[in-house]
Amino acid sequence: MSFSTPTETAPAVLSADASTTGVAPRWLLPECFVVHAWTPKTVFYVIRMIGEAMKGALAVKADKDFRTDSFLTMVSATIRDASLVIAILDDLPPNVAFQLGYALALKKPHILMVARDSVVNVKHFFPPECALTSLSNPLLHIDKHFSDIRDIRHVGYDDAKPDAPGQLLRDELGMQDAVTRRTLAEDVLCTWRTTLHEKFQRTPQGKRVFELAGEPTSITLGRPLLSPDTERELAGLLTEAVQAY
């Protein structure tokens, strides 16, 4: 199987009028932010597969969507607004560790993914002119290289199988927490509603926005989260509320 880096543009934050532009306003769906390294050869393919699996259910963004001088500011704000954070641990670079730690501190619902035969990319930290013929990247071992998350659930996947990311996400969203007895999908929806409440509670549209966001009770990948009527009404309310700011 051959892998290629898809050419993608950053998702729109907000359209002026969702009904005329066809671009959904921000927060119409729970946001999923993917934390990742830039060096694994399959990472952009995997992110695209995540986006396809979540289409209609969650809005997916990733590190690769931000290419500005304010990268850290934008990423931090996106993590704060996210209802789900997916950390692809392959290569284990510092940015992944930092952003994952930030998401955990905010108690964000999360999924940790590790590809089969993933490594810690030590060579990446050396300039090209360095002769590193005797140095090889060690296989990623969570207990050894990232001991602070050894007790946090992390799941492996086969990055050579196109359906592996989607199947992993379906399995994880259905996982039930041993303490709260809630599934990860339910936690994602709860986080989304909390975000909507915080942002729109003081707007005239806020009460109805929160009512509509309460309609979905689960997330089924491959199916739209919202009914067409709910999506249309919620999109209009969010657009009105943001334009009124």
Protein backbone atom coordinates (compact mmCIF):
# COMPACT_ATOMS: atom_id res chain seq x y z
CA MET A 1 0.00 0.00 0.00
CA SER A 2 1.37 3.42 -0.89
CA PHE A 3 0.90 6.48 1.27
CA SER A 4 0.71 10.08 0.17
CA THR A 5 0.30 13.34 2.03
CA PRO A 6 -3.12 14.74 1.14
CA THR A 7 -3.39 18.39 0.20
CA GLU A 8 -5.83 19.87 2.67
CA THR A 9 -6.82 23.33 3.79
CA ALA A 10 -7.60 24.42 7.32
CA PRO A 11 -11.31 24.18 8.19
CA ALA A 12 -13.28 27.40 8.29
CA VAL A 13 -13.85 28.75 11.79
CA LEU A 14 -17.13 30.43 10.93
CA SER A 15 -19.10 31.28 7.82
CA ALA A 16 -21.11 34.44 7.55
CA ASP A 17 -24.21 32.50 6.56
CA ALA A 18 -24.16 28.72 6.60
CA SER A 19 -27.29 28.49 4.50
CA THR A 20 -25.73 30.35 1.57
CA THR A 21 -22.06 29.39 1.76
CA GLY A 22 -22.54 25.70 2.55
CA VAL A 23 -19.87 25.96 5.25
CA ALA A 24 -21.07 25.02 8.71
CA PRO A 25 -20.51 27.51 11.53
CA ARG A 26 -18.04 26.56 14.21
CA TRP A 27 -19.33 24.51 17.15
CA LEU A 28 -22.18 23.05 15.07
CA LEU A 29 -20.54 19.70 15.86
CA PRO A 30 -18.22 18.63 18.70
CA GLU A 31 -14.65 19.46 17.74
CA CYS A 32 -11.96 16.80 17.63
CA PHE A 33 -8.34 17.95 17.67
CA VAL A 34 -5.60 15.58 16.50
CA VAL A 35 -2.16 16.03 18.08
CA HIS A 36 0.61 14.49 15.98
CA ALA A 37 4.23 14.50 14.89
CA TRP A 38 5.13 15.72 11.42
CA THR A 39 7.68 13.04 10.63
CA PRO A 40 5.90 9.64 10.49
CA LYS A 41 5.35 8.81 6.82
CA THR A 42 1.74 7.71 7.31
CA VAL A 43 0.55 10.40 9.73
CA PHE A 44 -1.31 12.57 7.20
CA TYR A 45 -2.98 9.52 5.73
CA VAL A 46 -4.11 8.43 9.20
CA ILE A 47 -5.48 11.92 9.95
CA ARG A 48 -7.43 11.84 6.70
CA MET A 49 -8.87 8.46 7.66
CA ILE A 50 -9.87 9.88 11.06
CA GLY A 51 -11.61 12.78 9.31
CA GLU A 52 -13.48 10.46 6.96
CA ALA A 53 -14.57 8.18 9.81
CA MET A 54 -15.90 11.14 11.82
CA LYS A 55 -17.55 12.99 8.95
CA GLY A 56 -20.94 14.31 10.03
CA ALA A 57 -20.37 13.37 13.66
CA LEU A 58 -17.41 15.50 14.75
CA ALA A 59 -15.45 18.36 13.17
CA VAL A 60 -11.80 17.32 12.90
CA LYS A 61 -8.81 19.64 13.11
CA ALA A 62 -5.12 18.79 13.46
CA ASP A 63 -1.73 20.35 14.11
CA LYS A 64 -1.14 20.40 10.35
CA ASP A 65 -3.95 22.93 9.91
CA PHE A 66 -1.96 25.64 11.69
CA ARG A 67 0.99 27.17 9.86
CA THR A 68 1.34 30.65 11.37
CA ASP A 69 3.63 32.45 13.77
CA SER A 70 0.94 32.16 16.44
CA PHE A 71 0.95 28.36 16.24
CA LEU A 72 1.09 27.76 20.00
CA THR A 73 -1.64 30.31 20.75
CA MET A 74 -3.97 28.86 18.11
CA VAL A 75 -3.34 25.25 19.09
CA SER A 76 -3.86 25.99 22.78
CA ALA A 77 -7.16 27.74 22.03
CA THR A 78 -8.26 24.84 19.83
CA ILE A 79 -7.51 22.32 22.57
CA ARG A 80 -9.54 24.41 25.03
CA ASP A 81 -12.50 24.32 22.65
CA ALA A 82 -12.11 20.65 21.73
CA SER A 83 -14.61 18.06 22.86
CA LEU A 84 -12.19 15.24 22.02
CA VAL A 85 -8.40 15.16 21.70
CA ILE A 86 -6.70 12.38 19.77
CA ALA A 87 -2.96 12.06 20.34
CA ILE A 88 -1.02 10.08 17.76
CA LEU A 89 2.06 9.15 19.77
CA ASP A 90 4.13 7.90 16.81
CA ASP A 91 7.70 9.31 16.93
CA LEU A 92 6.92 10.88 20.36
CA PRO A 93 8.03 14.48 19.66
CA PRO A 94 7.94 17.20 22.35
CA ASN A 95 4.95 18.99 20.80
CA VAL A 96 2.79 15.88 21.22
CA ALA A 97 3.82 15.47 24.85
CA PHE A 98 3.18 19.16 25.58
CA GLN A 99 -0.22 19.31 23.88
CA LEU A 100 -1.36 16.00 25.36
CA GLY A 101 -0.38 17.21 28.83
CA TYR A 102 -2.38 20.40 28.29
CA ALA A 103 -5.43 18.41 27.17
CA LEU A 104 -5.17 16.09 30.19
CA ALA A 105 -4.87 19.08 32.53
CA LEU A 106 -8.13 20.41 31.05
CA LYS A 107 -9.70 16.96 31.58
CA LYS A 108 -10.56 16.62 27.91
CA PRO A 109 -11.92 13.31 26.63
CA HIS A 110 -9.03 11.73 24.77
CA ILE A 111 -7.80 8.81 22.70
CA LEU A 112 -4.12 7.84 22.54
CA MET A 113 -3.07 6.03 19.37
CA VAL A 114 0.20 4.19 18.72
CA ALA A 115 0.99 2.62 15.35
CA ARG A 116 2.52 -0.84 15.21
CA ASP A 117 6.34 -0.71 15.24
CA SER A 118 6.27 3.00 16.16
CA VAL A 119 9.59 4.52 17.25
CA VAL A 120 10.94 7.42 19.24
CA ASN A 121 12.45 9.53 16.47
CA VAL A 122 15.75 10.50 18.09
CA LYS A 123 17.50 11.15 14.78
CA HIS A 124 15.08 13.96 13.98
CA PHE A 125 16.73 16.15 16.63
CA PHE A 126 20.11 16.12 14.91
CA PRO A 127 21.02 18.30 11.90
CA PRO A 128 21.40 16.54 8.52
CA GLU A 129 25.17 16.99 8.49
CA CYS A 130 25.57 14.76 11.52
CA ALA A 131 26.71 11.25 10.64
CA LEU A 132 24.44 8.99 12.66
CA THR A 133 25.15 5.67 11.05
CA SER A 134 25.51 3.97 14.43
CA LEU A 135 22.33 5.46 15.91
CA SER A 136 18.95 3.86 15.39
CA ASN A 137 15.55 5.04 16.59
CA PRO A 138 14.32 2.79 19.42
CA LEU A 139 10.89 1.23 19.29
CA LEU A 140 8.38 3.25 21.29
CA HIS A 141 7.78 1.64 24.67
CA ILE A 142 5.15 3.52 26.68
CA ASP A 143 6.27 2.33 30.12
CA LYS A 144 9.89 3.15 29.39
CA HIS A 145 9.70 6.32 27.30
CA PHE A 146 6.48 7.91 28.54
CA SER A 147 5.98 6.54 32.03
CA ASP A 148 3.62 9.30 33.15
CA ILE A 149 0.84 7.92 30.95
CA ARG A 150 1.42 4.20 31.58
CA ASP A 151 -1.86 4.03 33.50
CA ILE A 152 -3.83 5.88 30.80
CA ARG A 153 -5.46 3.69 28.20
CA HIS A 154 -3.62 3.75 24.86
CA VAL A 155 -4.44 1.63 21.85
CA GLY A 156 -2.37 0.26 19.02
CA TYR A 157 -3.41 0.22 15.38
CA ASP A 158 -2.09 -1.05 12.07
CA ASP A 159 -1.27 1.99 9.94
CA ALA A 160 -1.15 -0.20 6.83
CA LYS A 161 -4.87 -0.96 7.03
CA PRO A 162 -7.16 1.80 5.70
CA ASP A 163 -10.01 0.89 8.05
CA ALA A 164 -7.86 0.63 11.19
CA PRO A 165 -8.26 4.25 12.42
CA GLY A 166 -12.03 4.17 11.92
CA GLN A 167 -12.44 0.85 13.70
CA LEU A 168 -10.25 2.03 16.57
CA LEU A 169 -12.38 5.16 16.97
CA ARG A 170 -15.62 3.17 16.96
CA ASP A 171 -14.27 0.88 19.66
CA GLU A 172 -12.95 3.70 21.83
CA LEU A 173 -16.07 5.88 21.62
CA GLY A 174 -18.06 2.94 22.94
CA MET A 175 -15.70 2.25 25.85
CA GLN A 176 -17.33 2.72 29.25
CA ASP A 177 -15.50 4.39 32.11
CA ALA A 178 -15.21 2.05 35.10
CA VAL A 179 -16.01 4.83 37.58
CA THR A 180 -18.57 7.08 35.88
CA ARG A 181 -20.15 4.29 33.79
CA ARG A 182 -20.36 6.76 30.91
CA THR A 183 -19.02 5.97 27.46
CA LEU A 184 -16.35 8.14 25.87
CA ALA A 185 -18.97 9.28 23.33
CA GLU A 186 -21.21 10.50 26.14
CA ASP A 187 -18.29 12.42 27.67
CA VAL A 188 -17.58 14.01 24.27
CA LEU A 189 -21.19 15.18 23.95
CA CYS A 190 -21.18 16.49 27.53
CA THR A 191 -17.98 18.47 26.84
CA TRP A 192 -19.50 19.91 23.64
CA ARG A 193 -22.61 21.08 25.47
CA THR A 194 -20.47 22.65 28.19
CA THR A 195 -18.52 24.56 25.53
CA LEU A 196 -21.73 25.79 23.90
CA HIS A 197 -23.12 26.85 27.26
CA GLU A 198 -19.96 28.78 28.17
CA LYS A 199 -19.85 30.60 24.83
CA PHE A 200 -23.51 31.35 24.20
CA GLN A 201 -25.28 31.41 27.58
CA ARG A 202 -25.50 35.22 27.51
CA THR A 203 -26.89 35.42 23.97
CA PRO A 204 -30.61 35.44 23.06
CA GLN A 205 -29.99 32.21 21.13
CA GLY A 206 -28.23 30.45 24.00
CA LYS A 207 -31.16 28.63 25.56
CA ARG A 208 -32.36 27.15 22.27
CA VAL A 209 -28.77 26.27 21.24
CA PHE A 210 -28.36 24.26 24.42
CA GLU A 211 -31.74 22.54 23.92
CA LEU A 212 -30.81 21.44 20.39
CA ALA A 213 -27.37 20.26 21.50
CA GLY A 214 -29.09 18.04 24.05
CA GLU A 215 -30.93 16.02 21.41
CA PRO A 216 -28.14 13.57 20.43
CA THR A 217 -27.48 10.95 23.12
CA SER A 218 -24.73 8.98 21.38
CA ILE A 219 -22.20 9.18 18.55
CA THR A 220 -22.35 6.63 15.76
CA LEU A 221 -19.56 7.00 13.24
CA GLY A 222 -20.86 6.89 9.70
CA ARG A 223 -24.09 8.62 10.69
CA PRO A 224 -24.80 12.36 11.09
CA LEU A 225 -24.89 13.47 14.70
CA LEU A 226 -27.82 15.81 14.08
CA SER A 227 -31.03 15.43 12.12
CA PRO A 228 -31.30 17.73 9.06
CA ASP A 229 -33.87 19.96 10.79
CA THR A 230 -31.81 20.23 13.98
CA GLU A 231 -28.64 20.93 12.03
CA ARG A 232 -30.33 23.67 10.00
CA GLU A 233 -31.80 25.40 13.03
CA LEU A 234 -28.65 25.10 15.14
CA ALA A 235 -26.47 26.42 12.31
CA GLY A 236 -28.68 29.46 11.95
CA LEU A 237 -28.69 30.17 15.68
CA LEU A 238 -24.92 29.87 15.99
CA THR A 239 -24.38 32.16 13.01
CA GLU A 240 -26.76 34.76 14.46
CA ALA A 241 -25.14 34.57 17.89
CA VAL A 242 -21.59 35.00 16.59
CA GLN A 243 -22.56 37.87 14.26
CA ALA A 244 -24.17 39.65 17.21
CA TYR A 245 -20.91 39.72 19.21
